[in-house]
N, C-alpha and C. Protein backbone atom coordinates (compact mmCIF):
# COMPACT_ATOMS: atom_id res chain seq x y z
N MET A 1 -9.90 11.91 -28.72
CA MET A 1 -11.08 11.66 -28.81
C MET A 1 -11.63 13.21 -29.60
N GLU A 2 -12.65 13.09 -30.98
CA GLU A 2 -13.40 13.80 -30.98
C GLU A 2 -14.96 13.43 -31.17
N GLN A 3 -15.72 14.78 -30.89
CA GLN A 3 -17.03 14.79 -31.09
C GLN A 3 -17.34 15.85 -31.79
N GLN A 4 -18.81 15.75 -32.60
CA GLN A 4 -19.63 16.66 -33.08
C GLN A 4 -20.46 17.68 -32.71
N THR A 5 -20.34 19.07 -32.83
CA THR A 5 -21.36 19.96 -32.52
C THR A 5 -22.61 19.94 -33.15
N LEU A 6 -23.49 20.78 -32.96
CA LEU A 6 -24.66 20.74 -33.76
C LEU A 6 -24.14 21.25 -34.99
N ASN A 7 -23.68 22.02 -35.41
CA ASN A 7 -23.58 22.33 -36.78
C ASN A 7 -22.76 21.53 -37.49
N GLY A 8 -22.14 20.58 -36.80
CA GLY A 8 -21.41 19.78 -37.79
C GLY A 8 -19.82 19.85 -37.63
N THR A 9 -19.47 20.57 -36.85
CA THR A 9 -18.19 20.81 -36.46
C THR A 9 -17.58 19.74 -35.87
N LYS A 10 -16.33 19.52 -36.14
CA LYS A 10 -15.59 18.43 -34.82
C LYS A 10 -14.80 19.44 -33.98
N THR A 11 -14.71 19.08 -33.11
CA THR A 11 -13.73 19.61 -31.85
C THR A 11 -13.55 18.13 -30.93
N LYS A 12 -12.44 18.56 -30.16
CA LYS A 12 -11.51 17.34 -30.06
C LYS A 12 -11.96 17.64 -28.11
N LYS A 13 -12.44 16.43 -27.50
CA LYS A 13 -13.03 15.99 -26.34
C LYS A 13 -11.70 16.20 -25.32
N LEU A 14 -11.74 16.88 -24.54
CA LEU A 14 -10.15 17.17 -23.72
C LEU A 14 -10.73 15.91 -22.42
N LYS A 15 -9.71 15.11 -22.32
CA LYS A 15 -10.04 13.89 -21.48
C LYS A 15 -9.69 14.53 -20.00
N LYS A 16 -10.23 13.84 -19.38
CA LYS A 16 -10.07 14.35 -17.98
C LYS A 16 -8.84 13.77 -17.21
N HIS A 17 -8.00 14.59 -16.19
CA HIS A 17 -7.04 14.79 -15.74
C HIS A 17 -7.14 14.04 -14.66
N ILE A 18 -6.64 12.99 -14.01
CA ILE A 18 -6.96 12.54 -12.29
C ILE A 18 -5.53 13.27 -11.46
N THR A 19 -5.98 13.77 -10.56
CA THR A 19 -5.19 14.36 -9.74
C THR A 19 -4.44 13.59 -8.63
N SER A 20 -3.44 13.93 -7.78
CA SER A 20 -2.78 13.23 -6.56
C SER A 20 -3.43 12.73 -5.68
N VAL A 21 -4.45 14.12 -4.84
CA VAL A 21 -4.93 13.74 -3.65
C VAL A 21 -6.76 13.60 -3.90
N PHE A 22 -6.90 12.32 -2.77
CA PHE A 22 -8.34 12.09 -2.79
C PHE A 22 -8.90 11.99 -1.55
N GLN A 23 -10.35 11.95 -1.98
CA GLN A 23 -10.98 12.19 -0.31
C GLN A 23 -11.67 10.89 0.05
N ASP A 24 -11.74 9.84 -1.00
CA ASP A 24 -12.48 8.71 -0.87
C ASP A 24 -11.18 7.79 -1.36
N GLU A 25 -11.09 6.58 -0.32
CA GLU A 25 -10.12 5.49 -1.01
C GLU A 25 -10.42 4.89 -1.85
N GLN A 26 -11.55 4.58 -2.24
CA GLN A 26 -12.22 3.55 -3.63
C GLN A 26 -12.25 4.51 -4.90
N GLU A 27 -12.12 5.56 -4.76
CA GLU A 27 -11.49 6.54 -5.75
C GLU A 27 -10.51 6.38 -6.24
N LEU A 28 -9.51 6.66 -5.16
CA LEU A 28 -7.94 6.21 -5.00
C LEU A 28 -7.46 4.92 -6.05
N LEU A 29 -7.89 4.26 -4.95
CA LEU A 29 -7.39 2.82 -5.56
C LEU A 29 -7.80 2.57 -7.03
N LYS A 30 -9.23 2.99 -7.57
CA LYS A 30 -9.76 3.10 -8.80
C LYS A 30 -9.00 3.75 -9.89
N SER A 31 -8.21 5.04 -9.18
CA SER A 31 -7.67 6.01 -10.43
C SER A 31 -6.17 5.38 -10.65
N ILE A 32 -5.53 4.69 -9.49
CA ILE A 32 -4.67 3.85 -9.36
C ILE A 32 -4.52 2.78 -10.39
N ILE A 33 -5.41 1.72 -10.28
CA ILE A 33 -5.44 0.83 -11.40
C ILE A 33 -5.77 0.94 -13.01
N GLU A 34 -6.32 2.22 -12.91
CA GLU A 34 -6.89 2.88 -14.28
C GLU A 34 -5.53 2.63 -14.93
N ILE A 35 -4.66 3.77 -14.09
CA ILE A 35 -3.14 4.22 -14.20
C ILE A 35 -2.22 3.70 -14.51
N HIS A 36 -2.07 2.46 -13.50
CA HIS A 36 -0.74 1.80 -13.35
C HIS A 36 -1.62 0.31 -13.60
N SER A 37 -2.48 -0.04 -13.14
CA SER A 37 -2.49 -1.73 -13.33
C SER A 37 -4.13 -2.03 -13.73
N PRO A 38 -3.89 -1.88 -15.21
CA PRO A 38 -5.55 -1.82 -16.00
C PRO A 38 -6.06 -3.36 -15.54
N ASN A 39 -5.37 -4.41 -15.27
CA ASN A 39 -5.96 -5.98 -15.14
C ASN A 39 -6.41 -6.28 -13.55
N GLY A 40 -6.09 -4.57 -12.71
CA GLY A 40 -6.65 -4.80 -11.74
C GLY A 40 -5.26 -5.70 -10.65
N ILE A 41 -5.63 -5.59 -9.21
CA ILE A 41 -4.76 -6.30 -8.38
C ILE A 41 -4.82 -7.93 -8.25
N GLU A 42 -3.38 -8.35 -8.43
CA GLU A 42 -3.43 -9.91 -8.34
C GLU A 42 -3.36 -10.49 -7.11
N LEU A 43 -2.62 -9.76 -6.22
CA LEU A 43 -2.34 -10.71 -4.95
C LEU A 43 -2.45 -9.12 -3.76
N ASP A 44 -3.21 -9.77 -2.63
CA ASP A 44 -3.25 -9.03 -1.76
C ASP A 44 -2.77 -9.96 -0.09
N PRO A 45 -1.62 -10.00 -0.15
CA PRO A 45 -1.10 -11.10 1.18
C PRO A 45 -1.17 -10.22 2.38
N MET A 46 -1.80 -9.10 2.56
CA MET A 46 -2.44 -8.88 4.13
C MET A 46 -3.68 -8.52 3.82
N TYR A 47 -4.60 -9.27 3.36
CA TYR A 47 -5.90 -8.85 2.75
C TYR A 47 -6.56 -8.59 4.20
N PHE A 48 -6.74 -9.18 5.57
CA PHE A 48 -7.70 -9.20 6.24
C PHE A 48 -9.17 -9.55 6.66
N LYS A 49 -9.91 -8.36 6.55
CA LYS A 49 -11.18 -8.46 5.99
C LYS A 49 -11.46 -7.93 4.16
N GLY A 50 -10.77 -7.62 3.73
CA GLY A 50 -10.84 -7.11 2.17
C GLY A 50 -11.72 -5.53 2.39
N LYS A 51 -11.23 -4.73 3.35
CA LYS A 51 -11.67 -3.34 3.26
C LYS A 51 -11.49 -2.82 2.11
N PHE A 52 -10.29 -3.12 1.00
CA PHE A 52 -10.21 -2.08 -0.02
C PHE A 52 -11.13 -2.42 -1.50
N TYR A 53 -12.04 -3.81 -1.42
CA TYR A 53 -12.65 -3.90 -2.16
C TYR A 53 -14.13 -4.02 -1.94
N LYS A 54 -14.78 -2.85 -1.61
CA LYS A 54 -15.86 -2.48 -1.65
C LYS A 54 -16.69 -2.54 -2.92
N THR A 55 -15.71 -1.55 -4.38
CA THR A 55 -16.28 -1.51 -5.45
C THR A 55 -15.04 -1.71 -6.33
N ILE A 56 -14.01 -1.97 -6.03
CA ILE A 56 -12.93 -2.49 -7.08
C ILE A 56 -12.94 -4.46 -7.03
N SER A 57 -12.67 -4.99 -7.97
CA SER A 57 -12.16 -6.34 -8.02
C SER A 57 -11.25 -6.96 -7.14
N ARG A 58 -12.13 -8.28 -6.43
CA ARG A 58 -11.02 -8.81 -5.41
C ARG A 58 -9.94 -8.93 -6.36
N PRO A 59 -8.68 -9.27 -5.46
CA PRO A 59 -7.82 -9.96 -6.06
C PRO A 59 -7.89 -11.19 -6.27
N LYS A 60 -7.33 -11.96 -7.34
CA LYS A 60 -7.21 -13.39 -7.61
C LYS A 60 -6.52 -14.32 -6.48
N PHE A 61 -5.45 -13.55 -5.94
CA PHE A 61 -4.67 -14.27 -4.79
C PHE A 61 -5.10 -13.58 -3.51
N LYS A 62 -5.55 -14.15 -2.35
CA LYS A 62 -5.40 -13.56 -1.22
C LYS A 62 -4.78 -14.32 -0.30
N SER A 63 -4.09 -13.95 0.81
CA SER A 63 -3.80 -14.60 1.66
C SER A 63 -3.25 -12.95 3.04
N ASP A 64 -3.32 -14.23 4.19
CA ASP A 64 -2.84 -12.95 5.35
C ASP A 64 -2.18 -13.83 6.68
N ILE A 65 -1.69 -12.88 7.39
CA ILE A 65 -1.07 -14.07 8.81
C ILE A 65 -2.26 -14.64 9.37
N ASN A 66 -3.11 -13.86 9.85
CA ASN A 66 -4.02 -14.30 10.41
C ASN A 66 -5.33 -14.35 9.72
N PRO A 67 -5.62 -15.37 8.88
CA PRO A 67 -6.95 -15.06 8.38
C PRO A 67 -8.03 -15.01 8.55
N GLN A 68 -9.07 -14.10 8.02
CA GLN A 68 -10.36 -14.23 8.69
C GLN A 68 -11.45 -14.68 8.38
N SER A 69 -11.02 -15.38 7.04
CA SER A 69 -12.22 -16.30 6.37
C SER A 69 -11.61 -17.20 5.36
N GLN A 70 -12.04 -18.57 5.23
CA GLN A 70 -11.69 -19.42 4.71
C GLN A 70 -11.24 -19.65 3.81
N ASP A 71 -11.47 -18.68 2.77
CA ASP A 71 -11.04 -18.19 0.99
C ASP A 71 -10.07 -17.49 1.04
N VAL A 72 -8.94 -17.07 2.61
CA VAL A 72 -8.01 -16.66 2.15
C VAL A 72 -6.38 -17.52 2.91
N LEU A 73 -5.90 -17.81 1.68
CA LEU A 73 -4.74 -18.41 2.89
C LEU A 73 -3.62 -17.67 3.75
N GLU A 74 -3.53 -18.85 4.41
CA GLU A 74 -2.49 -18.58 5.81
C GLU A 74 -1.06 -18.17 5.19
N ALA A 75 -0.27 -17.36 5.15
CA ALA A 75 0.83 -16.84 4.77
C ALA A 75 1.41 -15.75 5.48
N ASP A 76 2.68 -15.26 5.75
CA ASP A 76 3.18 -14.46 6.38
C ASP A 76 3.77 -13.51 4.81
N ALA A 77 3.59 -12.26 4.92
CA ALA A 77 3.64 -11.25 3.68
C ALA A 77 5.46 -11.36 3.74
N ARG A 78 6.00 -11.70 4.51
CA ARG A 78 7.47 -11.73 4.56
C ARG A 78 8.13 -12.82 3.91
N LYS A 79 7.48 -14.02 3.93
CA LYS A 79 7.56 -15.26 3.30
C LYS A 79 6.48 -15.59 2.61
N LEU A 80 6.31 -15.38 1.61
CA LEU A 80 5.25 -15.60 0.48
C LEU A 80 5.28 -17.30 -0.22
N PRO A 81 4.34 -17.73 -0.46
CA PRO A 81 4.55 -19.18 -1.24
C PRO A 81 4.20 -18.92 -2.65
N TYR A 82 4.81 -17.94 -3.22
CA TYR A 82 4.82 -17.76 -4.60
C TYR A 82 6.20 -17.72 -4.96
N LEU A 83 6.23 -17.94 -6.58
CA LEU A 83 7.20 -18.04 -7.08
C LEU A 83 8.13 -17.27 -7.47
N ASN A 84 9.36 -16.93 -7.72
CA ASN A 84 10.06 -15.62 -8.08
C ASN A 84 9.47 -15.09 -9.42
N ASN A 85 9.06 -13.84 -9.80
CA ASN A 85 9.10 -13.55 -11.03
C ASN A 85 7.38 -13.92 -11.65
N SER A 86 6.30 -14.14 -10.28
CA SER A 86 5.17 -14.79 -10.94
C SER A 86 4.16 -13.64 -10.88
N ILE A 87 4.04 -12.61 -10.17
CA ILE A 87 2.78 -11.93 -9.83
C ILE A 87 2.93 -10.33 -10.29
N LYS A 88 2.11 -9.88 -11.23
CA LYS A 88 1.92 -9.03 -12.14
C LYS A 88 1.59 -7.98 -11.29
N SER A 89 0.72 -7.77 -10.14
CA SER A 89 0.51 -6.49 -9.53
C SER A 89 0.55 -6.90 -7.77
N MET A 90 0.58 -6.01 -6.77
CA MET A 90 -0.13 -6.83 -5.67
C MET A 90 -0.27 -5.07 -4.71
N ILE A 91 -0.86 -5.31 -3.64
CA ILE A 91 -0.80 -4.65 -2.62
C ILE A 91 -0.58 -4.53 -1.23
N LEU A 92 -0.04 -3.87 -0.51
CA LEU A 92 0.61 -3.67 1.12
C LEU A 92 -0.05 -2.96 1.55
N ASP A 93 -0.80 -3.21 2.87
CA ASP A 93 -1.45 -2.69 4.16
C ASP A 93 -1.08 -2.77 5.02
N PRO A 94 0.71 -2.63 5.86
CA PRO A 94 0.76 -3.12 6.70
C PRO A 94 0.33 -2.18 7.71
N PRO A 95 0.65 -2.40 9.13
CA PRO A 95 0.26 -1.59 10.07
C PRO A 95 1.25 -0.25 10.11
N PHE A 96 0.61 0.71 10.68
CA PHE A 96 1.78 1.68 11.10
C PHE A 96 1.81 2.43 12.30
N MET A 97 1.33 1.59 13.16
CA MET A 97 1.46 2.53 14.70
C MET A 97 2.34 1.52 15.32
N PHE A 98 3.11 2.14 16.36
CA PHE A 98 3.89 1.30 17.24
C PHE A 98 4.14 1.66 18.44
N GLY A 99 4.38 0.54 19.55
CA GLY A 99 4.41 1.20 21.20
C GLY A 99 3.67 2.32 21.36
N ILE A 100 2.52 2.07 21.73
CA ILE A 100 1.40 2.96 22.08
C ILE A 100 1.69 2.44 24.04
N HIS A 101 3.11 2.88 24.59
CA HIS A 101 3.29 2.90 25.77
C HIS A 101 3.06 1.56 26.40
N GLY A 102 3.04 0.60 26.00
CA GLY A 102 2.52 -0.78 26.43
C GLY A 102 1.28 -0.66 27.10
N LYS A 103 0.02 -0.05 25.82
CA LYS A 103 -0.97 -0.42 26.28
C LYS A 103 -1.47 -1.84 25.79
N SER A 104 -1.06 -2.25 24.83
CA SER A 104 -1.23 -3.40 23.88
C SER A 104 -0.11 -4.49 24.00
N ASP A 105 -0.91 -5.67 23.74
CA ASP A 105 0.15 -6.83 24.41
C ASP A 105 0.17 -7.75 22.45
N LYS A 106 -1.01 -7.04 21.73
CA LYS A 106 -1.18 -7.55 20.49
C LYS A 106 -0.67 -7.08 19.42
N TYR A 107 0.74 -7.58 19.33
CA TYR A 107 1.66 -6.81 18.35
C TYR A 107 1.60 -8.05 16.76
N TYR A 108 1.69 -6.78 15.80
CA TYR A 108 2.40 -7.55 14.64
C TYR A 108 2.62 -9.45 14.33
N ALA A 109 3.99 -8.94 15.57
CA ALA A 109 4.69 -10.32 15.30
C ALA A 109 4.33 -11.50 16.13
N SER A 110 2.85 -11.26 16.86
CA SER A 110 2.06 -12.23 17.36
C SER A 110 0.96 -12.78 16.30
N THR A 111 1.35 -12.24 15.02
CA THR A 111 -0.06 -12.79 14.34
C THR A 111 -1.20 -12.12 14.50
N THR A 112 -1.40 -10.68 14.78
CA THR A 112 -2.28 -9.77 15.10
C THR A 112 -2.12 -8.75 14.32
N HIS A 113 -3.18 -8.02 14.15
CA HIS A 113 -3.48 -6.77 13.26
C HIS A 113 -3.43 -5.06 14.07
N GLY A 114 -2.89 -5.47 15.12
CA GLY A 114 -3.00 -4.02 15.81
C GLY A 114 -1.98 -2.96 15.49
N ILE A 115 -0.61 -3.19 16.19
CA ILE A 115 0.15 -2.34 15.82
C ILE A 115 1.33 -3.41 16.15
N PHE A 116 2.54 -2.80 15.80
CA PHE A 116 3.98 -3.11 15.97
C PHE A 116 4.34 -2.85 17.58
N LYS A 117 5.17 -3.69 18.06
CA LYS A 117 5.74 -3.38 19.29
C LYS A 117 6.53 -2.29 19.60
N ASP A 118 7.52 -1.89 18.28
CA ASP A 118 8.08 -0.76 18.12
C ASP A 118 8.71 -0.27 17.12
N PHE A 119 9.62 1.05 16.77
CA PHE A 119 9.91 1.31 15.73
C PHE A 119 10.69 -0.03 14.74
N ASP A 120 11.58 -0.20 15.78
CA ASP A 120 12.08 -1.56 15.03
C ASP A 120 11.57 -2.57 14.46
N GLU A 121 10.76 -3.18 15.46
CA GLU A 121 9.49 -4.22 14.64
C GLU A 121 8.93 -3.76 13.45
N LEU A 122 8.51 -2.44 13.31
CA LEU A 122 7.99 -1.66 11.87
C LEU A 122 8.85 -1.66 10.80
N TYR A 123 10.41 -1.00 11.25
CA TYR A 123 11.07 -0.85 10.10
C TYR A 123 11.66 -2.57 9.63
N LEU A 124 11.80 -3.44 10.69
CA LEU A 124 12.44 -4.70 9.96
C LEU A 124 11.16 -5.28 8.89
N THR A 125 10.61 -5.15 9.42
CA THR A 125 9.04 -5.82 8.86
C THR A 125 8.85 -5.17 7.52
N TYR A 126 8.87 -3.79 7.24
CA TYR A 126 8.69 -2.94 6.10
C TYR A 126 9.66 -3.14 5.06
N GLU A 127 10.52 -3.58 5.63
CA GLU A 127 12.13 -3.89 5.00
C GLU A 127 11.67 -5.29 4.22
N ALA A 128 11.00 -6.21 5.14
CA ALA A 128 11.10 -7.25 4.94
C ALA A 128 10.09 -7.52 3.44
N ILE A 129 8.99 -7.18 3.82
CA ILE A 129 7.99 -7.31 2.93
C ILE A 129 8.11 -6.40 1.30
N ILE A 130 8.74 -5.37 1.61
CA ILE A 130 9.16 -4.89 0.04
C ILE A 130 10.00 -5.73 -0.48
N LYS A 131 11.17 -6.71 0.31
CA LYS A 131 11.92 -7.35 -0.39
C LYS A 131 11.26 -8.51 -0.84
N GLU A 132 10.49 -9.15 -0.48
CA GLU A 132 9.39 -10.04 -0.73
C GLU A 132 8.80 -9.96 -1.82
N ALA A 133 8.03 -8.57 -1.82
CA ALA A 133 7.15 -8.04 -2.94
C ALA A 133 7.91 -7.95 -4.10
N TYR A 134 9.47 -7.48 -3.94
CA TYR A 134 10.21 -7.72 -5.19
C TYR A 134 10.62 -8.92 -5.49
N ARG A 135 11.23 -9.86 -4.87
CA ARG A 135 11.17 -11.49 -5.36
C ARG A 135 9.91 -11.67 -6.15
N ILE A 136 8.99 -11.63 -5.75
CA ILE A 136 7.58 -12.14 -6.53
C ILE A 136 7.10 -11.42 -7.89
N LEU A 137 7.37 -10.22 -7.59
CA LEU A 137 6.83 -9.48 -8.88
C LEU A 137 7.74 -9.67 -9.79
N LYS A 138 6.92 -9.69 -11.32
CA LYS A 138 7.31 -9.91 -12.82
C LYS A 138 8.09 -8.56 -13.00
N PRO A 139 8.68 -8.54 -13.75
CA PRO A 139 9.67 -7.46 -14.52
C PRO A 139 8.51 -6.45 -14.76
N ASN A 140 8.32 -5.10 -14.42
CA ASN A 140 7.43 -4.21 -14.72
C ASN A 140 6.32 -4.45 -13.60
N GLY A 141 6.31 -5.35 -12.63
CA GLY A 141 4.99 -5.84 -11.86
C GLY A 141 5.02 -4.56 -10.98
N ILE A 142 3.86 -4.06 -10.48
CA ILE A 142 3.45 -3.10 -9.79
C ILE A 142 2.73 -3.60 -8.40
N LEU A 143 3.64 -2.62 -7.42
CA LEU A 143 3.35 -2.92 -6.21
C LEU A 143 2.68 -1.52 -5.67
N ILE A 144 1.84 -1.74 -4.68
CA ILE A 144 0.81 -0.33 -4.44
C ILE A 144 1.10 -0.43 -2.85
N PHE A 145 2.00 0.36 -1.93
CA PHE A 145 1.92 0.43 -0.44
C PHE A 145 1.36 1.40 0.02
N LYS A 146 0.59 1.16 1.15
CA LYS A 146 0.13 2.26 1.62
C LYS A 146 0.57 2.22 3.08
N CYS A 147 1.05 4.00 3.63
CA CYS A 147 1.39 3.80 4.70
C CYS A 147 1.22 4.97 5.10
N GLN A 148 1.28 5.46 6.48
CA GLN A 148 1.33 6.47 7.00
C GLN A 148 2.71 7.20 7.94
N ASP A 149 2.32 8.42 7.79
CA ASP A 149 3.89 8.87 9.18
C ASP A 149 2.93 8.94 10.52
N TYR A 150 3.86 8.80 11.27
CA TYR A 150 3.40 8.72 12.75
C TYR A 150 3.78 9.78 13.72
N THR A 151 3.20 10.54 14.71
CA THR A 151 3.62 11.19 15.35
C THR A 151 3.31 10.82 16.72
N ASP A 152 4.23 10.24 17.83
CA ASP A 152 3.73 10.62 19.10
C ASP A 152 4.66 11.56 20.12
N SER A 153 5.79 11.01 20.74
CA SER A 153 6.62 11.74 21.06
C SER A 153 7.20 12.69 20.14
N LYS A 154 7.71 11.78 18.75
CA LYS A 154 8.36 12.99 17.95
C LYS A 154 7.68 12.20 16.24
N THR A 155 8.06 12.86 15.28
CA THR A 155 7.38 12.60 14.58
C THR A 155 8.54 11.43 13.35
N THR A 156 7.61 10.04 12.84
CA THR A 156 8.55 9.55 12.00
C THR A 156 7.92 9.15 10.77
N MET A 157 8.69 9.79 9.81
CA MET A 157 8.48 10.07 8.10
C MET A 157 8.62 8.95 7.76
N VAL A 158 7.07 7.76 7.89
CA VAL A 158 7.51 6.30 7.38
C VAL A 158 7.58 6.15 5.82
N HIS A 159 6.94 7.18 5.16
CA HIS A 159 6.74 7.26 3.84
C HIS A 159 8.04 7.61 3.01
N CYS A 160 8.78 8.02 3.94
CA CYS A 160 10.45 8.12 3.48
C CYS A 160 11.21 6.57 3.59
N HIS A 161 10.71 6.16 4.52
CA HIS A 161 11.60 4.93 4.89
C HIS A 161 11.15 4.07 3.96
N VAL A 162 9.80 4.12 3.49
CA VAL A 162 9.21 3.43 2.29
C VAL A 162 9.86 3.45 1.03
N TYR A 163 9.86 4.59 0.55
CA TYR A 163 10.71 4.91 -0.65
C TYR A 163 11.90 4.82 -0.50
N ARG A 164 13.14 4.49 0.72
CA ARG A 164 14.36 4.19 0.77
C ARG A 164 14.17 3.24 0.77
N PHE A 165 13.90 2.02 1.19
CA PHE A 165 13.28 0.49 0.97
C PHE A 165 13.15 0.09 -0.24
N ALA A 166 12.31 0.63 -0.76
CA ALA A 166 12.05 0.28 -2.14
C ALA A 166 12.94 0.62 -3.14
N THR A 167 13.68 1.94 -3.20
CA THR A 167 14.44 2.30 -4.42
C THR A 167 15.71 1.48 -4.06
N LEU A 168 16.09 1.32 -2.45
CA LEU A 168 17.58 0.56 -2.67
C LEU A 168 17.11 -1.25 -2.86
N GLN A 169 16.07 -1.85 -3.38
CA GLN A 169 15.59 -2.81 -3.45
C GLN A 169 15.49 -2.92 -5.28
N GLY A 170 15.20 -1.86 -5.50
CA GLY A 170 15.59 -2.10 -7.13
C GLY A 170 14.31 -1.57 -7.87
N PHE A 171 13.51 -1.09 -6.94
CA PHE A 171 12.07 -0.36 -7.27
C PHE A 171 12.11 0.79 -8.11
N TYR A 172 11.04 1.38 -8.83
CA TYR A 172 11.04 2.73 -9.74
C TYR A 172 10.09 3.03 -8.71
N ALA A 173 10.55 4.32 -8.16
CA ALA A 173 9.12 4.83 -7.72
C ALA A 173 8.08 6.09 -8.66
N LYS A 174 7.24 5.06 -9.47
CA LYS A 174 6.45 5.67 -10.33
C LYS A 174 5.48 6.57 -9.87
N ASP A 175 4.61 6.69 -9.00
CA ASP A 175 3.79 7.62 -8.70
C ASP A 175 3.43 7.55 -7.26
N LEU A 176 3.10 8.64 -6.38
CA LEU A 176 2.49 8.82 -5.11
C LEU A 176 0.84 9.53 -5.18
N ALA A 177 0.24 8.87 -4.40
CA ALA A 177 -0.94 9.39 -4.09
C ALA A 177 -1.19 9.57 -2.66
N ILE A 178 -2.27 10.83 -2.47
CA ILE A 178 -2.35 11.17 -0.69
C ILE A 178 -3.50 10.96 -0.86
N LEU A 179 -4.12 10.27 0.45
CA LEU A 179 -5.40 10.26 0.74
C LEU A 179 -5.64 11.00 2.00
N ASN A 180 -6.59 12.01 2.37
CA ASN A 180 -7.06 12.82 2.94
C ASN A 180 -7.95 11.75 4.05
N LEU A 181 -7.50 11.83 5.36
CA LEU A 181 -8.21 11.09 6.58
C LEU A 181 -9.26 12.04 7.01
N PRO A 182 -10.32 11.27 7.66
CA PRO A 182 -11.32 11.93 8.22
C PRO A 182 -10.49 13.03 9.25
N LYS A 183 -10.90 14.39 9.73
CA LYS A 183 -10.60 15.45 10.23
C LYS A 183 -11.23 15.05 11.98
N ASN A 184 -12.42 14.48 11.71
CA ASN A 184 -12.71 14.37 13.19
C ASN A 184 -12.59 13.27 13.93
N LYS A 185 -11.32 12.64 13.75
CA LYS A 185 -10.75 11.91 14.70
C LYS A 185 -10.48 12.55 16.36
N VAL A 186 -10.50 11.60 17.50
CA VAL A 186 -10.38 11.77 18.25
C VAL A 186 -9.12 12.10 18.83
N SER A 187 -9.43 13.28 20.09
CA SER A 187 -8.14 13.98 20.23
C SER A 187 -8.22 14.45 21.99
N ASN A 188 -6.81 14.65 22.52
CA ASN A 188 -6.95 14.99 23.69
C ASN A 188 -7.04 16.62 23.50
N PRO A 189 -7.68 17.55 23.88
CA PRO A 189 -7.83 18.79 23.88
C PRO A 189 -6.64 19.33 24.49
N ASN A 190 -6.13 18.61 25.76
CA ASN A 190 -5.89 19.34 26.79
C ASN A 190 -4.33 19.17 26.50
N LEU A 191 -3.83 18.36 25.61
CA LEU A 191 -2.66 18.56 25.17
C LEU A 191 -1.72 19.60 24.49
N ASN A 192 -0.63 20.04 24.57
CA ASN A 192 0.19 20.89 24.08
C ASN A 192 0.71 20.56 22.83
N GLN A 193 -0.02 21.00 21.71
CA GLN A 193 0.04 20.27 20.56
C GLN A 193 1.86 20.45 19.83
N ARG A 194 2.51 19.92 19.81
CA ARG A 194 4.21 19.80 19.37
C ARG A 194 4.33 19.78 18.02
N HIS A 195 3.37 18.92 17.27
CA HIS A 195 3.71 18.47 15.81
C HIS A 195 2.28 19.00 14.96
N LEU A 196 2.28 19.45 13.61
CA LEU A 196 0.86 19.05 12.64
C LEU A 196 0.32 17.86 12.83
N ARG A 197 -1.14 17.94 12.81
CA ARG A 197 -1.83 16.64 13.63
C ARG A 197 -1.63 15.71 11.54
N LYS A 198 -1.66 14.49 11.55
CA LYS A 198 -1.39 14.03 10.60
C LYS A 198 -2.74 13.44 10.39
N VAL A 199 -2.92 14.04 8.97
CA VAL A 199 -4.39 13.82 8.35
C VAL A 199 -4.46 13.07 7.04
N HIS A 200 -3.68 12.20 6.77
CA HIS A 200 -3.14 12.11 5.38
C HIS A 200 -2.31 10.47 5.55
N SER A 201 -2.63 9.62 4.44
CA SER A 201 -2.01 8.48 4.41
C SER A 201 -1.49 8.68 2.95
N TYR A 202 -0.56 7.44 2.51
CA TYR A 202 0.19 7.80 1.38
C TYR A 202 -0.15 6.07 0.51
N PHE A 203 -0.18 6.19 -0.48
CA PHE A 203 -0.36 5.13 -1.45
C PHE A 203 0.98 5.45 -2.46
N TRP A 204 1.87 4.53 -2.35
CA TRP A 204 3.13 4.41 -3.30
C TRP A 204 3.08 3.47 -4.40
N ILE A 205 3.07 3.81 -5.40
CA ILE A 205 3.01 3.09 -6.41
C ILE A 205 4.44 2.93 -7.50
N PHE A 206 5.06 1.71 -6.79
CA PHE A 206 6.16 0.97 -7.41
C PHE A 206 6.51 0.09 -8.45
N GLN A 207 7.47 0.10 -9.35
CA GLN A 207 7.38 -0.46 -10.21
C GLN A 207 8.95 -1.44 -10.16
N LYS A 208 8.59 -2.45 -10.51
CA LYS A 208 9.49 -3.42 -10.50
C LYS A 208 10.70 -3.55 -11.98
N LEU A 209 11.70 -3.24 -11.85
CA LEU A 209 12.50 -2.60 -13.62
C LEU A 209 13.56 -3.61 -13.62
N LYS A 210 14.07 -4.45 -12.50
CA LYS A 210 15.14 -5.23 -13.19
C LYS A 210 14.71 -6.86 -12.91
N GLU A 211 15.31 -7.42 -13.85
CA GLU A 211 15.00 -8.78 -13.48
C GLU A 211 15.78 -9.98 -12.35
N VAL A 212 14.91 -10.40 -11.41
CA VAL A 212 15.52 -11.43 -10.59
C VAL A 212 16.19 -12.33 -11.05
N SER A 213 17.42 -12.83 -10.69
CA SER A 213 18.12 -13.80 -11.26
C SER A 213 17.43 -15.29 -10.86
N ALA A 214 17.53 -16.24 -11.76
CA ALA A 214 17.03 -17.62 -12.22
C ALA A 214 17.32 -18.39 -10.68
N ASN A 215 18.64 -18.05 -10.19
CA ASN A 215 19.11 -18.61 -9.08
C ASN A 215 18.91 -17.86 -7.66
N SER A 216 17.76 -16.46 -7.95
CA SER A 216 17.99 -16.30 -6.56
C SER A 216 17.20 -17.06 -5.55
N SER A 217 17.47 -17.07 -4.36
CA SER A 217 16.88 -18.20 -3.57
C SER A 217 15.46 -17.43 -2.92
N GLN A 218 14.54 -18.67 -2.59
CA GLN A 218 13.04 -18.38 -2.30
C GLN A 218 13.42 -17.68 -0.66
N GLN A 219 12.82 -16.58 -0.53
CA GLN A 219 13.01 -15.74 1.11
C GLN A 219 12.55 -16.95 1.97
């Protein structure tokens, strides 16, 4: 792109480059859409209350395991009512916490949005929703996956598991954005810190590369 100066000479206008670390989730999503999904997000099967869509367009298809409004279809992200190779782009934002020492009985498997009962449930659910995303996405379709690492008695590198699930399924890890979280989260000052405090989350951008067989079974 060229622009003309006062003396009539032409100079090349440098295009702004978007970096991979963000302080604001809306700006992060706008940037991902601009670069990887110019037509927006077509499907959000974990829509909940639609917190992603404050300043970006709402998806054409919205569903949730426990819908919070009438315009959201009831559906489990592990078994979606969409045909193979039918969706251009989608986003997944599953729970990332698990096993809060028995303090909650409202787990994801019980169609709530709190936490997973344990790591095995998180592991199996993430694996299943990524597999289902691969089934319904068109070739070259985009999957945005939000996740966060978890530290309790030990650190679980959740984003590494997500990468492995997706690449083994057939996705290409096209990009990765990092969102810095508020640093004023409540903590116990009396605890002896054994791990770095997690103040960021990840947004993986995966692209489906392979064609799904016409004979593939619906999940």
